[in-house]
């Protein structure tokens, strides 16, 4: 049976909770520092990390990446993780905030550049419309 310390709870700004293995979550530099008792953060004693700037859909994808990374950490020719185009920008921001998620941010950036602005539901802004 796993002890409670083997798992941490990540909570999104809209209240969704994700219980993930501590070892998987600690690939994020920010989470690793939050959970390190030497840094004196409350998260190190509660094993709960709250993210006021990450919503549940994005945090779920981040947690998925934690396990995807752990599953493939020693593999070669790892297939790209499926990242919906509509989440790319938010995932890039979350990866930057959580630092240490370089592969996730590269995947999100690659996905964003594969689709034109119209395919992502955006209309290009013309310079003619600007004053």
Protein backbone atom coordinates (compact mmCIF):
# COMPACT_ATOMS: atom_id res chain seq x y z
CA UNK A 1 0.00 0.00 0.00
CA UNK A 2 1.36 3.41 -0.93
CA UNK A 3 1.82 5.96 1.80
CA UNK A 4 0.24 9.41 1.57
CA UNK A 5 3.68 11.01 1.11
CA UNK A 6 4.12 9.12 -2.15
CA UNK A 7 1.28 11.20 -3.61
CA UNK A 8 0.62 14.91 -3.84
CA UNK A 9 -2.58 16.76 -4.63
CA UNK A 10 -2.53 19.42 -7.33
CA UNK A 11 -5.51 21.79 -7.29
CA UNK A 12 -6.50 23.98 -10.23
CA UNK A 13 -7.98 27.47 -10.01
CA UNK A 14 -11.44 26.05 -10.71
CA UNK A 15 -11.23 23.49 -7.90
CA UNK A 16 -10.29 20.28 -9.71
CA UNK A 17 -7.98 18.04 -7.69
CA UNK A 18 -5.45 15.63 -9.12
CA UNK A 19 -3.61 13.12 -6.95
CA UNK A 20 -0.33 12.22 -8.63
CA UNK A 21 2.79 10.38 -7.63
CA UNK A 22 5.26 12.71 -5.99
CA UNK A 23 8.11 11.38 -8.14
CA UNK A 24 6.17 12.18 -11.32
CA UNK A 25 5.11 15.66 -10.20
CA UNK A 26 8.66 16.58 -9.18
CA UNK A 27 9.84 16.72 -12.79
CA UNK A 28 8.44 20.23 -12.50
CA UNK A 29 11.07 22.45 -10.91
CA UNK A 30 8.41 24.63 -9.29
CA UNK A 31 6.55 21.69 -7.73
CA UNK A 32 9.81 20.11 -6.60
CA UNK A 33 10.77 23.34 -4.80
CA UNK A 34 7.29 23.68 -3.27
CA UNK A 35 7.49 20.16 -1.84
CA UNK A 36 11.08 20.39 -0.60
CA UNK A 37 10.97 20.73 3.23
CA UNK A 38 14.24 22.71 3.17
CA UNK A 39 12.47 25.57 1.36
CA UNK A 40 9.89 26.05 4.11
CA UNK A 41 6.76 26.15 1.94
CA UNK A 42 3.48 24.96 3.47
CA UNK A 43 3.08 22.58 0.52
CA UNK A 44 5.94 20.47 1.87
CA UNK A 45 3.88 19.56 4.95
CA UNK A 46 0.39 19.44 3.43
CA UNK A 47 1.39 17.75 0.15
CA UNK A 48 -1.13 20.02 -1.59
CA UNK A 49 -0.13 22.46 -4.34
CA UNK A 50 -2.67 25.05 -5.45
CA UNK A 51 -2.33 26.72 -8.83
CA UNK A 52 -4.38 29.91 -9.03
CA UNK A 53 -3.31 30.55 -12.62
CA UNK A 54 -3.90 27.06 -14.12
CA UNK A 55 -7.38 25.75 -14.91
CA UNK A 56 -8.50 22.14 -14.52
CA UNK A 57 -8.34 21.20 -18.20
CA UNK A 58 -4.76 22.41 -18.50
CA UNK A 59 -3.68 20.91 -15.16
CA UNK A 60 -5.16 17.57 -16.22
CA UNK A 61 -3.01 17.65 -19.37
CA UNK A 62 0.03 18.58 -17.27
CA UNK A 63 -0.62 15.57 -14.99
CA UNK A 64 -1.02 13.38 -18.06
CA UNK A 65 2.39 14.63 -19.20
CA UNK A 66 3.96 13.78 -15.83
CA UNK A 67 3.02 10.12 -16.29
CA UNK A 68 3.77 10.14 -20.02
CA UNK A 69 7.25 11.44 -19.25
CA UNK A 70 7.81 8.84 -16.54
CA UNK A 71 6.59 6.02 -18.77
CA UNK A 72 8.93 7.01 -21.62
CA UNK A 73 11.90 8.45 -19.71
CA UNK A 74 14.35 5.75 -20.85
CA UNK A 75 12.81 5.10 -24.26
CA UNK A 76 14.11 6.20 -27.63
CA UNK A 77 11.91 7.45 -30.48
CA UNK A 78 9.06 8.39 -28.17
CA UNK A 79 5.88 9.37 -30.01
CA UNK A 80 4.62 12.90 -29.50
CA UNK A 81 2.00 13.36 -26.84
CA UNK A 82 -1.39 14.34 -28.22
CA UNK A 83 -1.97 18.01 -27.45
CA UNK A 84 -5.22 19.65 -28.62
CA UNK A 85 -4.48 22.80 -30.61
CA UNK A 86 -6.89 24.85 -28.49
CA UNK A 87 -4.81 24.14 -25.36
CA UNK A 88 -1.41 25.01 -26.82
CA UNK A 89 -1.10 28.57 -25.54
CA UNK A 90 -2.33 27.75 -22.05
CA UNK A 91 -0.06 24.69 -21.88
CA UNK A 92 2.92 26.79 -22.92
CA UNK A 93 2.15 29.26 -20.14
CA UNK A 94 1.67 26.45 -17.59
CA UNK A 95 4.90 24.76 -18.67
CA UNK A 96 6.74 28.06 -18.29
CA UNK A 97 5.23 28.63 -14.84
CA UNK A 98 5.97 25.09 -13.69
CA UNK A 99 9.42 25.19 -15.31
CA UNK A 100 11.14 21.99 -16.12
CA UNK A 101 8.46 20.82 -18.54
CA UNK A 102 10.54 21.51 -21.63
CA UNK A 103 9.24 18.59 -23.66
CA UNK A 104 5.64 19.56 -22.99
CA UNK A 105 6.26 23.16 -24.02
CA UNK A 106 8.11 22.08 -27.17
CA UNK A 107 5.21 19.76 -28.04
CA UNK A 108 2.65 22.50 -27.51
CA UNK A 109 4.69 24.93 -29.58
CA UNK A 110 5.02 22.39 -32.39
CA UNK A 111 1.28 21.72 -32.33
CA UNK A 112 0.53 25.44 -32.44
CA UNK A 113 2.75 25.98 -35.47
CA UNK A 114 1.28 23.02 -37.37
CA UNK A 115 -2.11 24.71 -37.57
CA UNK A 116 -2.81 28.01 -39.19
CA UNK A 117 -4.57 30.73 -37.22
CA UNK A 118 -7.91 29.98 -38.84
CA UNK A 119 -7.69 26.30 -37.85
CA UNK A 120 -7.18 27.31 -34.23
CA UNK A 121 -10.30 29.45 -34.38
CA UNK A 122 -8.48 32.75 -34.69
CA UNK A 123 -8.71 35.31 -37.42
CA UNK A 124 -5.47 37.03 -38.42
CA UNK A 125 -5.33 40.72 -37.57
CA UNK A 126 -4.72 42.93 -40.55
CA UNK A 127 -2.50 45.98 -40.22
CA UNK A 128 -5.02 47.86 -42.35
CA UNK A 129 -7.56 47.80 -39.53
CA UNK A 130 -5.21 49.48 -37.09
CA UNK A 131 -5.26 53.28 -36.79
